[in-house]
N, C-alpha and C. Protein backbone atom coordinates (compact mmCIF):
# COMPACT_ATOMS: atom_id res chain seq x y z
N GLN A 1 15.60 -66.27 -34.99
CA GLN A 1 14.44 -65.38 -35.18
C GLN A 1 14.11 -64.69 -33.86
N VAL A 2 13.80 -63.42 -33.94
CA VAL A 2 13.43 -62.64 -32.77
C VAL A 2 12.12 -61.94 -33.04
N GLN A 3 11.22 -62.02 -32.10
CA GLN A 3 9.97 -61.25 -32.19
C GLN A 3 9.99 -60.17 -31.13
N LEU A 4 9.61 -58.97 -31.54
CA LEU A 4 9.70 -57.80 -30.67
C LEU A 4 8.31 -57.19 -30.48
N VAL A 5 7.99 -56.88 -29.24
CA VAL A 5 6.69 -56.28 -28.93
C VAL A 5 6.91 -55.06 -28.04
N GLU A 6 6.55 -53.89 -28.57
CA GLU A 6 6.68 -52.65 -27.81
C GLU A 6 5.45 -52.42 -26.94
N SER A 7 5.67 -51.68 -25.87
CA SER A 7 4.56 -51.28 -25.00
C SER A 7 4.94 -49.99 -24.28
N GLY A 8 3.93 -49.35 -23.71
CA GLY A 8 4.20 -48.20 -22.86
C GLY A 8 4.01 -46.85 -23.51
N GLY A 9 3.65 -46.82 -24.78
CA GLY A 9 3.40 -45.53 -25.41
C GLY A 9 2.17 -44.87 -24.83
N GLY A 10 1.94 -43.64 -25.23
CA GLY A 10 0.76 -42.93 -24.74
C GLY A 10 0.88 -41.45 -25.01
N SER A 11 0.11 -40.68 -24.27
CA SER A 11 0.09 -39.24 -24.45
C SER A 11 0.65 -38.56 -23.22
N VAL A 12 1.37 -37.48 -23.46
CA VAL A 12 1.98 -36.74 -22.36
C VAL A 12 2.11 -35.28 -22.78
N GLN A 13 2.11 -34.41 -21.81
CA GLN A 13 2.29 -32.99 -22.12
C GLN A 13 3.78 -32.68 -22.33
N ALA A 14 4.02 -31.65 -23.09
CA ALA A 14 5.39 -31.21 -23.32
C ALA A 14 6.09 -30.95 -21.99
N GLY A 15 7.33 -31.41 -21.92
CA GLY A 15 8.09 -31.29 -20.68
C GLY A 15 7.97 -32.49 -19.77
N GLY A 16 7.04 -33.36 -20.09
CA GLY A 16 6.83 -34.54 -19.26
C GLY A 16 7.72 -35.69 -19.65
N SER A 17 7.47 -36.85 -19.02
CA SER A 17 8.28 -38.04 -19.23
C SER A 17 7.41 -39.22 -19.59
N LEU A 18 8.00 -40.15 -20.30
CA LEU A 18 7.32 -41.37 -20.69
C LEU A 18 8.38 -42.45 -20.91
N SER A 19 8.01 -43.68 -20.62
CA SER A 19 8.94 -44.79 -20.85
C SER A 19 8.27 -45.81 -21.74
N VAL A 20 9.00 -46.30 -22.71
CA VAL A 20 8.51 -47.38 -23.57
C VAL A 20 9.43 -48.59 -23.40
N SER A 21 8.86 -49.76 -23.59
CA SER A 21 9.59 -51.00 -23.43
C SER A 21 9.43 -51.86 -24.67
N CYS A 22 10.35 -52.78 -24.84
CA CYS A 22 10.29 -53.71 -25.96
C CYS A 22 10.72 -55.09 -25.45
N ALA A 23 9.79 -56.01 -25.46
CA ALA A 23 10.06 -57.38 -25.01
C ALA A 23 10.38 -58.26 -26.21
N ALA A 24 11.44 -59.03 -26.08
CA ALA A 24 11.89 -59.90 -27.17
C ALA A 24 11.67 -61.36 -26.82
N SER A 25 11.30 -62.11 -27.83
CA SER A 25 11.18 -63.56 -27.64
C SER A 25 12.53 -64.21 -27.96
N GLY A 26 12.66 -65.45 -27.60
CA GLY A 26 13.87 -66.17 -27.95
C GLY A 26 14.92 -66.13 -26.87
N ARG A 27 15.90 -67.01 -27.00
CA ARG A 27 16.92 -67.15 -25.98
C ARG A 27 18.23 -66.47 -26.34
N THR A 28 18.24 -65.74 -27.46
CA THR A 28 19.49 -65.13 -27.92
C THR A 28 19.45 -63.61 -27.88
N PHE A 29 18.62 -63.07 -27.02
CA PHE A 29 18.46 -61.61 -26.94
C PHE A 29 19.79 -60.91 -26.75
N SER A 30 20.64 -61.46 -25.92
CA SER A 30 21.91 -60.82 -25.61
C SER A 30 22.88 -60.84 -26.78
N SER A 31 22.53 -61.52 -27.85
CA SER A 31 23.37 -61.55 -29.05
C SER A 31 23.11 -60.36 -29.97
N TYR A 32 22.07 -59.62 -29.68
CA TYR A 32 21.63 -58.56 -30.57
C TYR A 32 21.92 -57.17 -30.03
N THR A 33 22.42 -56.33 -30.91
CA THR A 33 22.38 -54.90 -30.66
C THR A 33 20.92 -54.47 -30.77
N MET A 34 20.49 -53.63 -29.86
CA MET A 34 19.11 -53.16 -29.87
C MET A 34 19.07 -51.66 -30.12
N ALA A 35 17.98 -51.23 -30.75
CA ALA A 35 17.86 -49.81 -31.08
C ALA A 35 16.40 -49.39 -31.05
N TRP A 36 16.22 -48.09 -30.95
CA TRP A 36 14.91 -47.47 -31.09
C TRP A 36 14.96 -46.51 -32.27
N PHE A 37 13.93 -46.57 -33.08
CA PHE A 37 13.70 -45.64 -34.18
C PHE A 37 12.33 -45.02 -33.97
N ARG A 38 12.05 -43.96 -34.70
CA ARG A 38 10.72 -43.35 -34.64
C ARG A 38 10.35 -42.80 -36.00
N GLN A 39 9.04 -42.74 -36.22
CA GLN A 39 8.53 -42.22 -37.48
C GLN A 39 7.33 -41.33 -37.20
N ALA A 40 7.47 -40.07 -37.56
CA ALA A 40 6.38 -39.11 -37.43
C ALA A 40 5.54 -39.14 -38.71
N PRO A 41 4.30 -38.71 -38.64
CA PRO A 41 3.44 -38.73 -39.83
C PRO A 41 4.06 -37.96 -40.99
N GLY A 42 4.11 -38.60 -42.15
CA GLY A 42 4.62 -37.95 -43.34
C GLY A 42 6.12 -37.82 -43.40
N LYS A 43 6.82 -38.43 -42.44
CA LYS A 43 8.27 -38.33 -42.41
C LYS A 43 8.92 -39.71 -42.48
N GLU A 44 10.21 -39.70 -42.74
CA GLU A 44 10.95 -40.96 -42.78
C GLU A 44 11.22 -41.45 -41.37
N ARG A 45 11.53 -42.73 -41.28
CA ARG A 45 11.88 -43.31 -39.99
C ARG A 45 13.28 -42.85 -39.58
N ASP A 46 13.40 -42.36 -38.37
CA ASP A 46 14.66 -41.80 -37.88
C ASP A 46 15.22 -42.60 -36.71
N PHE A 47 16.52 -42.66 -36.66
CA PHE A 47 17.22 -43.30 -35.55
C PHE A 47 17.05 -42.47 -34.28
N VAL A 48 16.88 -43.17 -33.16
CA VAL A 48 16.77 -42.49 -31.86
C VAL A 48 17.94 -42.87 -30.95
N ALA A 49 18.13 -44.17 -30.74
CA ALA A 49 19.17 -44.62 -29.81
C ALA A 49 19.48 -46.08 -30.05
N ALA A 50 20.69 -46.48 -29.67
CA ALA A 50 21.09 -47.88 -29.77
C ALA A 50 21.88 -48.27 -28.53
N ILE A 51 21.90 -49.57 -28.26
CA ILE A 51 22.63 -50.08 -27.10
C ILE A 51 23.33 -51.37 -27.48
N SER A 52 24.54 -51.53 -26.99
CA SER A 52 25.33 -52.71 -27.32
C SER A 52 24.77 -53.96 -26.66
N ARG A 53 25.32 -55.09 -27.06
CA ARG A 53 24.81 -56.38 -26.58
C ARG A 53 24.85 -56.50 -25.06
N SER A 54 25.91 -56.02 -24.48
CA SER A 54 26.06 -56.11 -23.03
C SER A 54 25.36 -54.98 -22.28
N GLY A 55 25.03 -53.93 -23.03
CA GLY A 55 24.44 -52.75 -22.41
C GLY A 55 25.47 -51.74 -21.95
N GLY A 56 26.73 -52.03 -22.17
CA GLY A 56 27.78 -51.16 -21.70
C GLY A 56 28.02 -49.92 -22.53
N ASN A 57 27.52 -49.93 -23.75
CA ASN A 57 27.71 -48.77 -24.64
C ASN A 57 26.38 -48.36 -25.23
N THR A 58 26.21 -47.06 -25.38
CA THR A 58 24.99 -46.50 -25.95
C THR A 58 25.35 -45.43 -26.98
N TYR A 59 24.37 -45.14 -27.83
CA TYR A 59 24.58 -44.19 -28.92
C TYR A 59 23.25 -43.50 -29.17
N TYR A 60 23.27 -42.16 -29.24
CA TYR A 60 22.03 -41.39 -29.36
C TYR A 60 22.06 -40.45 -30.55
N ALA A 61 20.90 -40.21 -31.08
CA ALA A 61 20.75 -39.14 -32.05
C ALA A 61 20.91 -37.82 -31.31
N ASP A 62 21.46 -36.83 -32.01
CA ASP A 62 21.68 -35.52 -31.39
C ASP A 62 20.38 -34.92 -30.86
N SER A 63 19.29 -35.21 -31.53
CA SER A 63 18.01 -34.60 -31.17
C SER A 63 17.48 -35.08 -29.81
N VAL A 64 17.98 -36.21 -29.32
CA VAL A 64 17.47 -36.74 -28.06
C VAL A 64 18.54 -36.86 -26.99
N LYS A 65 19.77 -36.57 -27.34
CA LYS A 65 20.89 -36.71 -26.40
C LYS A 65 20.66 -35.83 -25.18
N GLY A 66 20.84 -36.42 -24.01
CA GLY A 66 20.62 -35.69 -22.76
C GLY A 66 19.20 -35.73 -22.27
N ARG A 67 18.27 -36.17 -23.10
CA ARG A 67 16.86 -36.25 -22.70
C ARG A 67 16.37 -37.71 -22.63
N PHE A 68 16.87 -38.53 -23.52
CA PHE A 68 16.42 -39.94 -23.60
C PHE A 68 17.54 -40.85 -23.09
N THR A 69 17.13 -41.98 -22.50
CA THR A 69 18.08 -42.98 -22.03
C THR A 69 17.62 -44.36 -22.47
N ILE A 70 18.51 -45.06 -23.19
CA ILE A 70 18.23 -46.43 -23.58
C ILE A 70 18.92 -47.37 -22.61
N SER A 71 18.25 -48.45 -22.26
CA SER A 71 18.84 -49.45 -21.37
C SER A 71 18.27 -50.81 -21.75
N ARG A 72 18.87 -51.85 -21.20
CA ARG A 72 18.39 -53.19 -21.50
C ARG A 72 18.60 -54.07 -20.27
N ASP A 73 17.78 -55.10 -20.19
CA ASP A 73 17.90 -56.11 -19.15
C ASP A 73 17.92 -57.45 -19.88
N ASN A 74 19.09 -58.02 -20.04
CA ASN A 74 19.20 -59.27 -20.80
C ASN A 74 18.54 -60.45 -20.09
N ALA A 75 18.42 -60.37 -18.79
CA ALA A 75 17.75 -61.44 -18.06
C ALA A 75 16.24 -61.42 -18.33
N LYS A 76 15.72 -60.26 -18.67
CA LYS A 76 14.29 -60.12 -18.95
C LYS A 76 14.01 -59.99 -20.44
N ASN A 77 15.04 -60.08 -21.27
CA ASN A 77 14.86 -59.94 -22.72
C ASN A 77 14.11 -58.66 -23.08
N THR A 78 14.48 -57.56 -22.45
CA THR A 78 13.74 -56.32 -22.63
C THR A 78 14.70 -55.15 -22.81
N VAL A 79 14.32 -54.26 -23.70
CA VAL A 79 15.03 -53.00 -23.89
C VAL A 79 14.06 -51.87 -23.59
N TYR A 80 14.59 -50.81 -23.00
CA TYR A 80 13.76 -49.69 -22.54
C TYR A 80 14.23 -48.39 -23.19
N LEU A 81 13.30 -47.45 -23.25
CA LEU A 81 13.65 -46.09 -23.64
C LEU A 81 12.93 -45.15 -22.68
N GLN A 82 13.71 -44.50 -21.84
CA GLN A 82 13.16 -43.49 -20.92
C GLN A 82 13.27 -42.14 -21.60
N MET A 83 12.15 -41.46 -21.72
CA MET A 83 12.10 -40.19 -22.43
C MET A 83 11.70 -39.08 -21.46
N ASN A 84 12.58 -38.13 -21.27
CA ASN A 84 12.33 -37.00 -20.39
C ASN A 84 12.32 -35.71 -21.18
N SER A 85 11.79 -34.66 -20.59
CA SER A 85 11.73 -33.34 -21.23
C SER A 85 11.20 -33.44 -22.65
N LEU A 86 10.09 -34.13 -22.77
CA LEU A 86 9.54 -34.40 -24.11
C LEU A 86 9.09 -33.11 -24.79
N LYS A 87 9.29 -33.09 -26.10
CA LYS A 87 8.93 -31.95 -26.93
C LYS A 87 7.85 -32.37 -27.93
N LEU A 88 7.18 -31.39 -28.47
CA LEU A 88 6.14 -31.68 -29.46
C LEU A 88 6.71 -32.51 -30.61
N GLU A 89 7.92 -32.19 -30.99
CA GLU A 89 8.54 -32.88 -32.13
C GLU A 89 8.95 -34.32 -31.83
N ASP A 90 8.79 -34.76 -30.60
CA ASP A 90 9.04 -36.16 -30.27
C ASP A 90 7.84 -37.05 -30.60
N THR A 91 6.74 -36.43 -30.97
CA THR A 91 5.56 -37.20 -31.33
C THR A 91 5.85 -38.09 -32.54
N ALA A 92 5.61 -39.39 -32.39
CA ALA A 92 5.92 -40.35 -33.45
C ALA A 92 5.50 -41.74 -33.00
N VAL A 93 5.54 -42.66 -33.95
CA VAL A 93 5.47 -44.08 -33.60
C VAL A 93 6.90 -44.55 -33.34
N TYR A 94 7.10 -45.16 -32.19
CA TYR A 94 8.42 -45.61 -31.79
C TYR A 94 8.54 -47.12 -32.02
N TYR A 95 9.62 -47.49 -32.70
CA TYR A 95 9.86 -48.89 -33.04
C TYR A 95 11.15 -49.37 -32.38
N CYS A 96 11.14 -50.57 -31.86
CA CYS A 96 12.41 -51.16 -31.45
C CYS A 96 12.88 -52.10 -32.54
N ALA A 97 14.18 -52.30 -32.58
CA ALA A 97 14.79 -53.11 -33.63
C ALA A 97 15.97 -53.88 -33.05
N ALA A 98 16.22 -55.03 -33.64
CA ALA A 98 17.33 -55.90 -33.22
C ALA A 98 18.22 -56.19 -34.41
N GLY A 99 19.52 -56.13 -34.19
CA GLY A 99 20.46 -56.41 -35.26
C GLY A 99 21.68 -57.14 -34.78
N LEU A 100 22.35 -57.80 -35.70
CA LEU A 100 23.54 -58.57 -35.36
C LEU A 100 24.82 -57.78 -35.55
N TYR A 101 24.71 -56.55 -36.07
CA TYR A 101 25.87 -55.71 -36.25
C TYR A 101 26.04 -54.84 -35.00
N GLY A 102 27.05 -54.02 -35.02
CA GLY A 102 27.26 -53.09 -33.92
C GLY A 102 26.25 -51.96 -33.96
N MET A 103 26.33 -51.08 -33.00
CA MET A 103 25.41 -49.95 -32.93
C MET A 103 25.54 -49.10 -34.20
N ASP A 104 24.42 -48.83 -34.81
CA ASP A 104 24.41 -48.09 -36.07
C ASP A 104 23.11 -47.32 -36.18
N SER A 105 23.17 -46.17 -36.81
CA SER A 105 21.96 -45.37 -36.99
C SER A 105 21.19 -45.73 -38.24
N GLY A 106 21.72 -46.59 -39.06
CA GLY A 106 21.05 -46.98 -40.28
C GLY A 106 20.06 -48.10 -40.05
N ASP A 107 18.83 -47.90 -40.49
CA ASP A 107 17.82 -48.92 -40.20
C ASP A 107 18.08 -50.21 -40.97
N TRP A 108 18.87 -50.15 -42.02
CA TRP A 108 19.16 -51.35 -42.80
C TRP A 108 20.07 -52.33 -42.04
N ARG A 109 20.62 -51.88 -40.93
CA ARG A 109 21.48 -52.73 -40.11
C ARG A 109 20.70 -53.64 -39.17
N TYR A 110 19.41 -53.44 -39.10
CA TYR A 110 18.61 -54.17 -38.12
C TYR A 110 17.68 -55.14 -38.83
N ASN A 111 17.67 -56.36 -38.33
CA ASN A 111 16.98 -57.45 -39.00
C ASN A 111 15.54 -57.64 -38.55
N TYR A 112 15.26 -57.26 -37.31
CA TYR A 112 13.94 -57.54 -36.73
C TYR A 112 13.36 -56.25 -36.16
N TRP A 113 12.05 -56.12 -36.33
CA TRP A 113 11.35 -54.91 -35.92
C TRP A 113 10.07 -55.24 -35.17
N GLY A 114 9.74 -54.39 -34.21
CA GLY A 114 8.45 -54.49 -33.55
C GLY A 114 7.38 -53.79 -34.36
N GLN A 115 6.17 -53.82 -33.84
CA GLN A 115 5.04 -53.23 -34.56
C GLN A 115 4.88 -51.74 -34.28
N GLY A 116 5.56 -51.25 -33.28
CA GLY A 116 5.54 -49.82 -32.98
C GLY A 116 4.55 -49.46 -31.88
N THR A 117 4.84 -48.38 -31.19
CA THR A 117 3.95 -47.85 -30.17
C THR A 117 3.90 -46.34 -30.31
N GLN A 118 2.70 -45.79 -30.22
CA GLN A 118 2.51 -44.36 -30.45
C GLN A 118 2.88 -43.55 -29.21
N VAL A 119 3.66 -42.49 -29.44
CA VAL A 119 3.95 -41.51 -28.40
C VAL A 119 3.47 -40.16 -28.91
N THR A 120 2.61 -39.53 -28.15
CA THR A 120 2.06 -38.24 -28.54
C THR A 120 2.36 -37.21 -27.46
N VAL A 121 3.01 -36.12 -27.87
CA VAL A 121 3.34 -35.04 -26.95
C VAL A 121 2.49 -33.83 -27.32
N SER A 122 1.76 -33.31 -26.34
CA SER A 122 0.87 -32.19 -26.60
C SER A 122 1.29 -30.97 -25.79
N SER A 123 0.83 -29.82 -26.24
CA SER A 123 1.18 -28.57 -25.55
C SER A 123 0.20 -28.26 -24.44
């Protein structure tokens, strides 16, 4: 069992940067592929980025490629999402997720979810 707690959301102007973190409980964090998803009001939850167990491989949605960076620190049981050049359309609740499969954009591949953290980008 893994419990995930996101932090670091907030408000930022378009073009700015923000970082969110996700702390995991348990001693098996390094066994999980980790990912970030987001959900804007009235929309479905969308894949943002994923990172392999070791952190050596990453996978991004086209909409954030080149602007967002996912990373992890297995010693700290934490996964991060650094968001640069933020756009209005990045406004959403951001969720971290843990799964035992490889990196995948499908949310059904992930077994554990955090409660989400709000990111708001304004003009």
